[in-house]
Amino acid sequence: MKKKTEAHSNDVTQHPRDDRPRPYLCTVCNKRFTRKDNLNIHRRRHTEENWYSCTQCEKRFHSESYLRKDTNVHSSKYQCSECGYCFQGNHELMRHELSHSGERPFECSVCSKQFTKSSSLAVHSRIHSGEKPYKCQVCDKAFSESGHLNRHVRVHTGEKPYQCQVCDKAFSHFGPLNRHMRSHNGQKPYKCHVCDKAFSQNESLNRHMRVHTGEKPYKCEVCNQAFSLRETLTVHKRVHTGEKPYKCHVCDKAFSQNESLNRHVRVHTGEKPYRCSLCSKSFSRSSHLQRHERHLHSNRRPYHCRFCGMQFKTNAQLKYHVRVHTDAKLYSCRHCSNRFRWLDQLKRHLLKSHNEGTWFTCDVCKKKFITRHELKIHSVRHEDVKPYVCSECAKRYFTASELKRHHMVHTDYKQFCCVLCCKYFKHKHCVVKHFKKCAQKLGCSRPFLF
């Protein structure tokens, strides 16, 4: 371990108890060494000359000591029964098996955090004592472990000594390389003991386990709301601070989340990446596509009217419909005592009786409408374009609602139900006509109410 620390030291980092001169300089990455043989070993990283090859797995090493370690692994009798990994000694195997069993026998006396190794507990204890003996000579940043300092130094040197043998991608740390290799071999050694879902990283498994345990370790200091992920808490804190780090380069509008910025940018670009597979209509948001498919293409109607049995796709449509039966008049005129069931009725009343509001006038026939939506539907008829085509008989219609009504001709689906006799009908006017006769036959005085 001491040799490894020396081999990774350079001119910008120095062990606190090592003030020896380092006269041997690598001309490629400017690393310095105390001994010439260490420099020669290091140079092989850059040139790949005189590397040592393993005869069993064909791995190549720049140091003979690394080759010996690899050879010992192949000849080792100590193999993990869970993942098949080999070790040079029984002690190393026993320590490794703790990662599969989840056992953590070493506990911190301050915060009760548990560890699989005593050395890990010793390093962790420095968090409470504040001890950071390893200091970077470039930025004065201090660390509790020498390995952390050695990894940090690569921020300044830009060195990436760990290279993937499949795609030649390089990494500054061994951990990211090890995780990257699993993208090539598909290895997922971390398995959930509840649902058997497997992960390539231990961190991913720990995050997944919170789905089963319900644990939310990250708590907001302002409102005490808890979260299972640190990233979610970071985004939530911006609600209190008002921070909006993501800014639009077109209009300078700012957002607290990167996802919100990406959605906003489509306002400027006009991009609509979410396309309906049935009618090829495109949308800027996935939620808009889902709503379109649910409302226009799906026959599922989970919301039932308790008065007449009529079925609806959304709860909002059901609430709107129920007023027919309850005769609720939610909209009142502020000029007189009149009340209305629908908002359109109130707008029409204000325009005609009190001259309040604005009519929407057709440029072709000068016909007037209460809402812009009504005018838009009307204008299509002047263009003589029928964009909605029936897939069964090729008939064409001006609006989607006309096409939906026509579709009932080709289907046996009956969405309207008589609540008195449970008989189903295709069309609304049929069930209304039947309902009155059925109510008279059964002697119901107010059939549409309880």
Protein backbone atom coordinates (compact mmCIF):
# COMPACT_ATOMS: atom_id res chain seq x y z
CA MET A 1 0.00 0.00 0.00
CA LYS A 2 2.96 2.28 0.72
CA LYS A 3 4.45 1.62 -2.73
CA LYS A 4 1.15 2.47 -4.42
CA THR A 5 1.00 5.81 -2.58
CA GLU A 6 4.53 6.67 -3.67
CA ALA A 7 3.86 5.67 -7.26
CA HIS A 8 0.86 7.96 -7.50
CA SER A 9 2.47 10.99 -5.85
CA ASN A 10 3.64 13.93 -7.94
CA ASP A 11 4.72 17.54 -7.80
CA VAL A 12 1.34 18.88 -6.67
CA THR A 13 0.74 16.42 -3.84
CA GLN A 14 2.86 15.36 -0.95
CA HIS A 15 2.35 12.93 1.88
CA PRO A 16 2.39 14.88 5.19
CA ARG A 17 5.18 12.67 6.53
CA ASP A 18 7.16 12.47 3.24
CA ASP A 19 9.38 15.46 2.43
CA ARG A 20 11.84 13.50 0.28
CA PRO A 21 12.92 15.11 -3.04
CA ARG A 22 11.40 13.78 -6.26
CA PRO A 23 14.04 14.34 -8.97
CA TYR A 24 12.61 11.96 -11.61
CA LEU A 25 10.06 13.67 -13.88
CA CYS A 26 7.70 12.07 -16.40
CA THR A 27 7.84 14.24 -19.55
CA VAL A 28 4.29 13.20 -20.59
CA CYS A 29 2.19 14.02 -17.50
CA ASN A 30 4.77 15.86 -15.29
CA LYS A 31 4.53 13.35 -12.45
CA ARG A 32 7.58 13.18 -10.17
CA PHE A 33 9.10 10.15 -8.45
CA THR A 34 11.67 9.53 -5.77
CA ARG A 35 13.22 6.55 -7.58
CA LYS A 36 14.13 5.96 -11.20
CA ASP A 37 12.64 2.43 -11.32
CA ASN A 38 9.27 3.90 -10.25
CA LEU A 39 9.48 6.35 -13.15
CA ASN A 40 10.29 3.52 -15.58
CA ILE A 41 7.28 1.53 -14.39
CA HIS A 42 5.09 4.62 -14.70
CA ARG A 43 6.26 5.34 -18.29
CA ARG A 44 4.82 2.04 -19.43
CA ARG A 45 1.34 3.48 -18.83
CA HIS A 46 1.92 5.92 -21.69
CA THR A 47 3.98 3.78 -24.10
CA GLU A 48 2.53 0.29 -23.38
CA GLU A 49 6.04 -1.04 -24.08
CA ASN A 50 7.46 -3.99 -22.12
CA TRP A 51 4.09 -4.72 -20.52
CA TYR A 52 3.53 -8.05 -18.74
CA SER A 53 0.86 -10.37 -20.20
CA CYS A 54 -1.06 -13.00 -18.24
CA THR A 55 -1.00 -16.38 -20.01
CA GLN A 56 -4.45 -17.35 -18.65
CA CYS A 57 -6.67 -14.30 -19.19
CA GLU A 58 -4.44 -12.29 -21.61
CA LYS A 59 -4.68 -9.20 -19.42
CA ARG A 60 -1.67 -6.86 -19.68
CA PHE A 61 0.04 -5.05 -16.79
CA HIS A 62 2.66 -2.33 -16.65
CA SER A 63 4.13 -3.76 -13.43
CA GLU A 64 5.41 -7.25 -12.68
CA SER A 65 3.90 -7.06 -9.19
CA TYR A 66 0.43 -6.54 -10.71
CA LEU A 67 1.00 -9.57 -12.94
CA ARG A 68 1.91 -11.70 -9.93
CA LYS A 69 -1.28 -10.63 -8.15
CA ASP A 70 -3.35 -11.59 -11.19
CA THR A 71 -1.60 -14.96 -11.48
CA ASN A 72 -2.29 -15.66 -7.80
CA VAL A 73 -5.98 -14.98 -8.38
CA HIS A 74 -6.12 -17.64 -11.11
CA SER A 75 -4.40 -20.19 -8.91
CA SER A 76 -6.35 -19.23 -5.80
CA LYS A 77 -8.55 -21.76 -3.99
CA TYR A 78 -10.51 -18.97 -2.32
CA GLN A 79 -13.49 -18.25 -4.56
CA CYS A 80 -16.73 -16.42 -3.71
CA SER A 81 -19.73 -18.71 -4.14
CA GLU A 82 -21.98 -15.73 -4.98
CA CYS A 83 -20.10 -13.94 -7.78
CA GLY A 84 -17.18 -16.31 -8.53
CA TYR A 85 -14.51 -13.71 -7.73
CA CYS A 86 -11.18 -15.19 -6.54
CA PHE A 87 -8.93 -14.00 -3.70
CA GLN A 88 -5.39 -14.70 -2.57
CA GLY A 89 -6.32 -15.49 1.01
CA ASN A 90 -9.20 -16.64 3.17
CA HIS A 91 -9.23 -13.35 5.11
CA GLU A 92 -9.83 -11.35 1.90
CA LEU A 93 -12.59 -13.77 0.87
CA MET A 94 -14.35 -13.48 4.25
CA ARG A 95 -14.19 -9.69 4.07
CA HIS A 96 -15.59 -9.76 0.51
CA GLU A 97 -18.50 -12.05 1.47
CA LEU A 98 -19.76 -9.33 3.83
CA SER A 99 -20.71 -7.29 0.74
CA HIS A 100 -23.21 -10.02 -0.26
CA SER A 101 -24.59 -10.77 3.21
CA GLY A 102 -25.03 -7.10 4.08
CA GLU A 103 -23.40 -7.68 7.48
CA ARG A 104 -21.61 -4.63 8.91
CA PRO A 105 -19.95 -5.62 12.21
CA PHE A 106 -18.02 -2.36 12.81
CA GLU A 107 -20.19 0.46 14.21
CA CYS A 108 -19.36 4.12 14.78
CA SER A 109 -19.85 5.09 18.43
CA VAL A 110 -20.90 8.65 17.46
CA CYS A 111 -23.47 8.26 14.67
CA SER A 112 -24.03 4.43 14.75
CA LYS A 113 -23.10 4.09 11.06
CA GLN A 114 -21.91 0.55 10.33
CA PHE A 115 -19.05 -0.72 8.16
CA THR A 116 -17.80 -4.05 6.82
CA LYS A 117 -14.13 -3.22 7.57
CA SER A 118 -12.41 -1.81 10.64
CA SER A 119 -10.21 0.35 8.39
CA SER A 120 -13.31 1.96 6.90
CA LEU A 121 -14.56 2.75 10.41
CA ALA A 122 -11.19 4.29 11.31
CA VAL A 123 -11.30 6.55 8.24
CA HIS A 124 -14.95 7.45 8.93
CA SER A 125 -14.10 8.50 12.51
CA ARG A 126 -12.08 11.40 11.08
CA ILE A 127 -15.36 13.00 9.98
CA HIS A 128 -16.32 13.52 13.63
CA SER A 129 -12.84 14.49 14.77
CA GLY A 130 -12.35 16.84 11.80
CA GLU A 131 -8.92 15.36 11.10
CA LYS A 132 -7.77 15.90 7.47
CA PRO A 133 -4.03 15.26 7.32
CA TYR A 134 -3.71 15.03 3.53
CA LYS A 135 -3.56 18.46 1.86
CA CYS A 136 -3.36 19.38 -1.83
CA GLN A 137 -0.48 21.80 -2.53
CA VAL A 138 -2.30 23.44 -5.47
CA CYS A 139 -5.65 24.44 -3.95
CA ASP A 140 -5.05 23.66 -0.23
CA LYS A 141 -8.03 21.32 -0.16
CA ALA A 142 -7.63 18.75 2.64
CA PHE A 143 -8.71 15.11 2.84
CA SER A 144 -9.03 12.46 5.51
CA GLU A 145 -7.56 9.72 3.26
CA SER A 146 -4.43 9.66 1.12
CA GLY A 147 -6.34 7.85 -1.64
CA HIS A 148 -8.84 10.72 -1.82
CA LEU A 149 -5.98 13.20 -2.17
CA ASN A 150 -4.38 11.16 -4.97
CA ARG A 151 -7.67 11.03 -6.86
CA HIS A 152 -8.25 14.77 -6.31
CA VAL A 153 -4.84 15.66 -7.75
CA ARG A 154 -5.97 14.34 -11.15
CA VAL A 155 -8.37 17.30 -11.30
CA HIS A 156 -5.29 19.51 -11.69
CA THR A 157 -3.16 17.18 -13.83
CA GLY A 158 -5.98 15.89 -16.06
CA GLU A 159 -4.49 12.41 -15.84
CA LYS A 160 -6.76 9.46 -16.77
CA PRO A 161 -4.68 6.33 -16.14
CA TYR A 162 -7.56 3.82 -16.22
CA GLN A 163 -8.50 2.87 -19.77
CA CYS A 164 -11.29 0.61 -21.02
CA GLN A 165 -9.86 -2.24 -23.12
CA VAL A 166 -13.06 -2.47 -25.18
CA CYS A 167 -13.75 1.11 -26.32
CA ASP A 168 -10.52 2.89 -25.18
CA LYS A 169 -12.48 5.31 -23.00
CA ALA A 170 -10.24 6.64 -20.20
CA PHE A 171 -11.07 7.45 -16.56
CA SER A 172 -9.27 9.26 -13.77
CA HIS A 173 -10.45 6.73 -11.13
CA PHE A 174 -10.70 2.96 -11.11
CA GLY A 175 -14.26 2.94 -9.73
CA PRO A 176 -15.83 4.65 -12.78
CA LEU A 177 -13.88 2.31 -15.07
CA ASN A 178 -15.17 -0.73 -13.16
CA ARG A 179 -18.75 0.53 -13.45
CA HIS A 180 -18.23 1.40 -17.12
CA MET A 181 -17.05 -2.15 -17.91
CA ARG A 182 -20.45 -3.48 -16.83
CA SER A 183 -22.00 -1.65 -19.78
CA HIS A 184 -20.01 -3.98 -22.04
CA ASN A 185 -20.38 -7.28 -20.19
CA GLY A 186 -23.92 -6.67 -18.85
CA GLN A 187 -22.86 -7.70 -15.35
CA LYS A 188 -25.33 -6.78 -12.57
CA PRO A 189 -23.88 -8.15 -9.31
CA TYR A 190 -26.12 -6.20 -6.92
CA LYS A 191 -29.47 -7.94 -6.49
CA CYS A 192 -32.52 -6.85 -4.48
CA HIS A 193 -33.52 -9.59 -1.99
CA VAL A 194 -37.18 -8.48 -2.13
CA CYS A 195 -38.00 -8.45 -5.86
CA ASP A 196 -34.78 -9.96 -7.34
CA LYS A 197 -34.18 -6.89 -9.50
CA ALA A 198 -30.47 -6.59 -10.31
CA PHE A 199 -28.23 -3.51 -10.67
CA SER A 200 -24.74 -2.81 -11.98
CA GLN A 201 -23.95 -0.38 -9.14
CA ASN A 202 -24.36 -0.73 -5.38
CA GLU A 203 -25.57 2.88 -5.17
CA SER A 204 -28.42 2.05 -7.57
CA LEU A 205 -29.43 -0.89 -5.37
CA ASN A 206 -29.44 1.30 -2.24
CA ARG A 207 -31.69 3.84 -3.98
CA HIS A 208 -33.99 1.05 -5.18
CA MET A 209 -34.36 -0.45 -1.70
CA ARG A 210 -36.12 2.72 -0.55
CA VAL A 211 -39.03 1.70 -2.79
CA HIS A 212 -39.61 -1.30 -0.49
CA THR A 213 -38.66 0.28 2.85
CA GLY A 214 -40.31 3.65 2.25
CA GLU A 215 -37.21 5.30 3.70
CA LYS A 216 -36.84 9.04 3.02
CA PRO A 217 -33.52 10.06 4.57
CA TYR A 218 -33.25 13.50 2.96
CA LYS A 219 -35.33 16.08 4.86
CA CYS A 220 -35.92 19.73 4.03
CA GLU A 221 -34.74 21.97 6.89
CA VAL A 222 -37.44 24.57 6.14
CA CYS A 223 -40.68 22.57 5.83
CA ASN A 224 -39.52 19.12 7.06
CA GLN A 225 -40.72 17.43 3.86
CA ALA A 226 -38.74 14.22 3.33
CA PHE A 227 -37.41 12.70 0.10
CA SER A 228 -35.88 9.37 -0.90
CA LEU A 229 -33.31 10.94 -3.25
CA ARG A 230 -30.80 13.72 -2.60
CA GLU A 231 -31.38 15.13 -6.10
CA THR A 232 -35.11 15.53 -5.39
CA LEU A 233 -34.36 17.41 -2.17
CA THR A 234 -31.95 19.74 -4.01
CA VAL A 235 -34.66 20.64 -6.53
CA HIS A 236 -37.25 21.07 -3.74
CA LYS A 237 -35.06 23.54 -1.81
CA ARG A 238 -35.33 25.96 -4.73
CA VAL A 239 -39.01 26.42 -3.80
CA HIS A 240 -37.82 28.17 -0.61
CA THR A 241 -34.72 29.93 -1.96
CA GLY A 242 -36.31 31.00 -5.25
CA GLU A 243 -33.17 29.87 -7.08
CA LYS A 244 -33.65 29.32 -10.82
CA PRO A 245 -30.30 28.27 -12.28
CA TYR A 246 -31.61 27.14 -15.69
CA LYS A 247 -32.04 30.13 -18.01
CA CYS A 248 -33.46 30.25 -21.54
CA HIS A 249 -30.89 31.69 -23.98
CA VAL A 250 -33.68 33.17 -26.15
CA CYS A 251 -35.92 35.08 -23.71
CA ASP A 252 -33.88 34.85 -20.45
CA LYS A 253 -36.77 33.16 -18.65
CA ALA A 254 -35.39 31.12 -15.72
CA PHE A 255 -36.44 27.76 -14.27
CA SER A 256 -35.65 25.75 -11.16
CA GLN A 257 -35.40 22.44 -13.08
CA ASN A 258 -33.55 21.52 -16.26
CA GLU A 259 -36.55 19.50 -17.44
CA SER A 260 -38.76 22.61 -17.24
CA LEU A 261 -36.23 24.55 -19.33
CA ASN A 262 -36.18 21.81 -22.00
CA ARG A 263 -39.99 21.94 -22.23
CA HIS A 264 -39.94 25.75 -22.46
CA VAL A 265 -37.33 25.84 -25.24
CA ARG A 266 -39.80 24.01 -27.51
CA VAL A 267 -41.94 27.16 -27.45
CA HIS A 268 -39.17 28.89 -29.44
CA THR A 269 -38.07 25.95 -31.60
CA GLY A 270 -41.56 24.62 -32.33
CA GLU A 271 -40.26 21.11 -31.73
CA LYS A 272 -42.93 18.46 -31.11
CA PRO A 273 -41.08 15.18 -30.44
CA TYR A 274 -44.08 13.21 -29.11
CA ARG A 275 -46.06 11.78 -32.03
CA CYS A 276 -49.35 9.87 -31.88
CA SER A 277 -49.00 6.46 -33.58
CA LEU A 278 -52.66 6.46 -34.64
CA CYS A 279 -53.18 9.85 -36.25
CA SER A 280 -49.57 11.19 -36.50
CA LYS A 281 -50.46 14.32 -34.53
CA SER A 282 -47.44 15.72 -32.66
CA PHE A 283 -47.08 17.30 -29.23
CA SER A 284 -44.39 19.21 -27.36
CA ARG A 285 -45.03 17.33 -24.08
CA SER A 286 -45.52 13.64 -23.31
CA SER A 287 -48.42 14.48 -20.96
CA HIS A 288 -50.26 16.18 -23.85
CA LEU A 289 -49.79 13.08 -26.00
CA GLN A 290 -51.14 10.84 -23.23
CA ARG A 291 -54.17 13.08 -22.77
CA HIS A 292 -54.77 13.09 -26.55
CA GLU A 293 -54.61 9.28 -26.78
CA ARG A 294 -56.88 8.88 -23.74
CA HIS A 295 -59.51 11.35 -24.94
CA LEU A 296 -59.56 10.70 -28.68
CA HIS A 297 -58.42 7.13 -29.37
CA SER A 298 -59.23 5.19 -26.20
CA ASN A 299 -62.68 3.67 -25.60
CA ARG A 300 -62.07 3.33 -21.88
CA ARG A 301 -64.63 5.33 -19.86
CA PRO A 302 -64.09 4.64 -16.14
CA TYR A 303 -66.31 7.47 -14.81
CA HIS A 304 -70.05 6.66 -14.55
CA CYS A 305 -72.93 9.06 -13.93
CA ARG A 306 -74.86 7.90 -10.86
CA PHE A 307 -78.11 9.29 -12.29
CA CYS A 308 -78.26 7.94 -15.85
CA GLY A 309 -75.25 5.60 -16.09
CA MET A 310 -73.55 7.61 -18.85
CA GLN A 311 -69.81 6.93 -19.02
CA PHE A 312 -66.98 9.45 -19.34
CA LYS A 313 -63.23 9.39 -19.94
CA THR A 314 -62.36 12.03 -17.33
CA ASN A 315 -63.72 13.09 -13.95
CA ALA A 316 -64.00 16.69 -15.21
CA GLN A 317 -66.36 15.58 -18.00
CA LEU A 318 -68.49 13.70 -15.45
CA LYS A 319 -68.75 16.73 -13.11
CA TYR A 320 -69.75 18.88 -16.08
CA HIS A 321 -72.45 16.38 -17.10
CA VAL A 322 -73.97 15.91 -13.61
CA ARG A 323 -75.36 19.46 -13.72
CA VAL A 324 -77.94 18.20 -16.23
CA HIS A 325 -79.47 16.06 -13.48
CA THR A 326 -78.95 18.25 -10.42
CA ASP A 327 -80.03 21.45 -12.21
CA ALA A 328 -77.19 23.25 -10.39
CA LYS A 329 -76.70 26.81 -11.65
CA LEU A 330 -73.20 27.83 -10.64
CA TYR A 331 -72.88 31.00 -12.75
CA SER A 332 -74.75 34.16 -11.65
CA CYS A 333 -75.05 37.51 -13.43
CA ARG A 334 -73.56 40.41 -11.46
CA HIS A 335 -76.06 42.85 -13.03
CA CYS A 336 -79.30 40.97 -12.33
CA SER A 337 -80.64 37.92 -10.45
CA ASN A 338 -80.36 35.47 -13.37
CA ARG A 339 -78.33 32.29 -12.82
CA PHE A 340 -77.02 29.84 -15.42
CA ARG A 341 -75.92 26.23 -15.60
CA TRP A 342 -73.16 26.74 -18.21
CA LEU A 343 -70.51 29.47 -18.58
CA ASP A 344 -71.40 29.94 -22.26
CA GLN A 345 -74.98 30.76 -21.23
CA LEU A 346 -73.74 33.48 -18.86
CA LYS A 347 -71.47 34.99 -21.55
CA ARG A 348 -74.34 35.03 -24.04
CA HIS A 349 -76.62 36.70 -21.46
CA LEU A 350 -74.02 39.40 -20.67
CA LEU A 351 -73.54 40.18 -24.35
CA LYS A 352 -77.23 40.32 -25.26
CA SER A 353 -78.77 41.83 -22.11
CA HIS A 354 -76.00 44.02 -20.68
CA ASN A 355 -73.74 44.60 -23.71
CA GLU A 356 -70.73 43.31 -21.76
CA GLY A 357 -68.00 41.33 -23.49
CA THR A 358 -66.86 40.83 -27.08
CA TRP A 359 -68.46 38.86 -29.87
CA PHE A 360 -66.26 36.73 -32.14
CA THR A 361 -67.38 37.48 -35.71
CA CYS A 362 -66.80 35.32 -38.80
CA ASP A 363 -65.02 37.31 -41.56
CA VAL A 364 -66.91 35.43 -44.29
CA CYS A 365 -70.57 35.35 -43.22
CA LYS A 366 -70.45 37.84 -40.30
CA LYS A 367 -72.03 35.28 -37.96
CA LYS A 368 -71.30 35.99 -34.30
CA PHE A 369 -70.07 33.54 -31.64
CA ILE A 370 -69.62 33.63 -27.89
CA THR A 371 -66.21 31.93 -27.79
CA ARG A 372 -63.16 31.83 -30.05
CA HIS A 373 -63.38 28.03 -30.10
CA GLU A 374 -66.88 28.16 -31.63
CA LEU A 375 -65.63 30.57 -34.31
CA LYS A 376 -62.68 28.32 -35.09
CA ILE A 377 -64.94 25.27 -35.60
CA HIS A 378 -67.30 27.36 -37.76
CA SER A 379 -64.46 28.75 -39.95
CA VAL A 380 -63.43 25.23 -40.99
CA ARG A 381 -66.76 24.83 -42.82
CA HIS A 382 -65.98 27.83 -45.05
CA GLU A 383 -62.66 26.26 -46.04
CA ASP A 384 -64.57 23.17 -47.19
CA VAL A 385 -61.84 20.94 -45.73
CA LYS A 386 -62.77 17.79 -43.87
CA PRO A 387 -59.56 16.57 -42.19
CA TYR A 388 -61.16 13.83 -40.07
CA VAL A 389 -61.51 10.60 -42.09
CA CYS A 390 -63.30 7.45 -40.95
CA SER A 391 -60.98 4.43 -41.04
CA GLU A 392 -63.90 2.09 -41.78
CA CYS A 393 -65.81 3.73 -44.64
CA ALA A 394 -63.63 6.71 -45.70
CA LYS A 395 -66.33 9.29 -44.84
CA ARG A 396 -64.92 12.70 -43.95
CA TYR A 397 -65.93 15.20 -41.26
CA PHE A 398 -65.15 18.77 -40.23
CA THR A 399 -64.57 18.08 -36.50
CA ALA A 400 -63.32 15.27 -34.29
CA SER A 401 -66.61 15.16 -32.37
CA GLU A 402 -68.54 14.53 -35.61
CA LEU A 403 -66.16 11.68 -36.46
CA LYS A 404 -66.58 10.19 -32.97
CA ARG A 405 -70.37 10.21 -33.31
CA HIS A 406 -70.07 8.56 -36.72
CA HIS A 407 -67.79 5.80 -35.36
CA MET A 408 -70.71 4.45 -33.34
CA VAL A 409 -72.23 3.21 -36.63
CA HIS A 410 -69.35 0.73 -37.05
CA THR A 411 -69.12 -0.52 -33.47
CA ASP A 412 -71.33 -2.53 -31.13
CA TYR A 413 -70.07 -0.55 -28.14
CA LYS A 414 -72.99 0.87 -26.11
CA GLN A 415 -71.83 3.51 -23.65
CA PHE A 416 -75.23 4.87 -22.48
CA CYS A 417 -77.06 2.90 -19.80
CA CYS A 418 -80.55 3.24 -18.29
CA VAL A 419 -80.03 3.31 -14.53
CA LEU A 420 -83.53 1.93 -13.93
CA CYS A 421 -83.46 -1.23 -16.07
CA CYS A 422 -79.70 -1.43 -16.95
CA LYS A 423 -80.39 -1.51 -20.69
CA TYR A 424 -77.56 -0.10 -22.85
CA PHE A 425 -77.79 2.18 -25.91
CA LYS A 426 -75.36 3.50 -28.51
CA HIS A 427 -76.62 7.08 -28.63
CA LYS A 428 -77.48 9.62 -25.95
CA HIS A 429 -80.84 10.66 -27.43
CA CYS A 430 -81.94 7.00 -27.41
CA VAL A 431 -81.29 6.52 -23.70
CA VAL A 432 -83.00 9.84 -22.85
CA LYS A 433 -86.13 8.84 -24.78
CA HIS A 434 -86.13 5.37 -23.21
CA PHE A 435 -85.44 6.73 -19.73
CA LYS A 436 -88.63 8.83 -19.69
CA LYS A 437 -90.78 5.86 -20.73
CA CYS A 438 -89.05 3.59 -18.21
CA ALA A 439 -89.59 6.13 -15.40
CA GLN A 440 -93.30 6.49 -16.22
CA LYS A 441 -93.69 2.70 -16.26
CA LEU A 442 -92.04 2.38 -12.83
CA GLY A 443 -93.86 5.45 -11.45
CA CYS A 444 -90.83 7.62 -10.66
CA SER A 445 -91.80 11.26 -10.05
CA ARG A 446 -88.26 12.79 -10.36
CA PRO A 447 -86.30 10.13 -12.24
CA PHE A 448 -83.12 12.22 -12.63
CA LEU A 449 -82.70 12.91 -8.91
CA PHE A 450 -82.38 10.72 -5.77
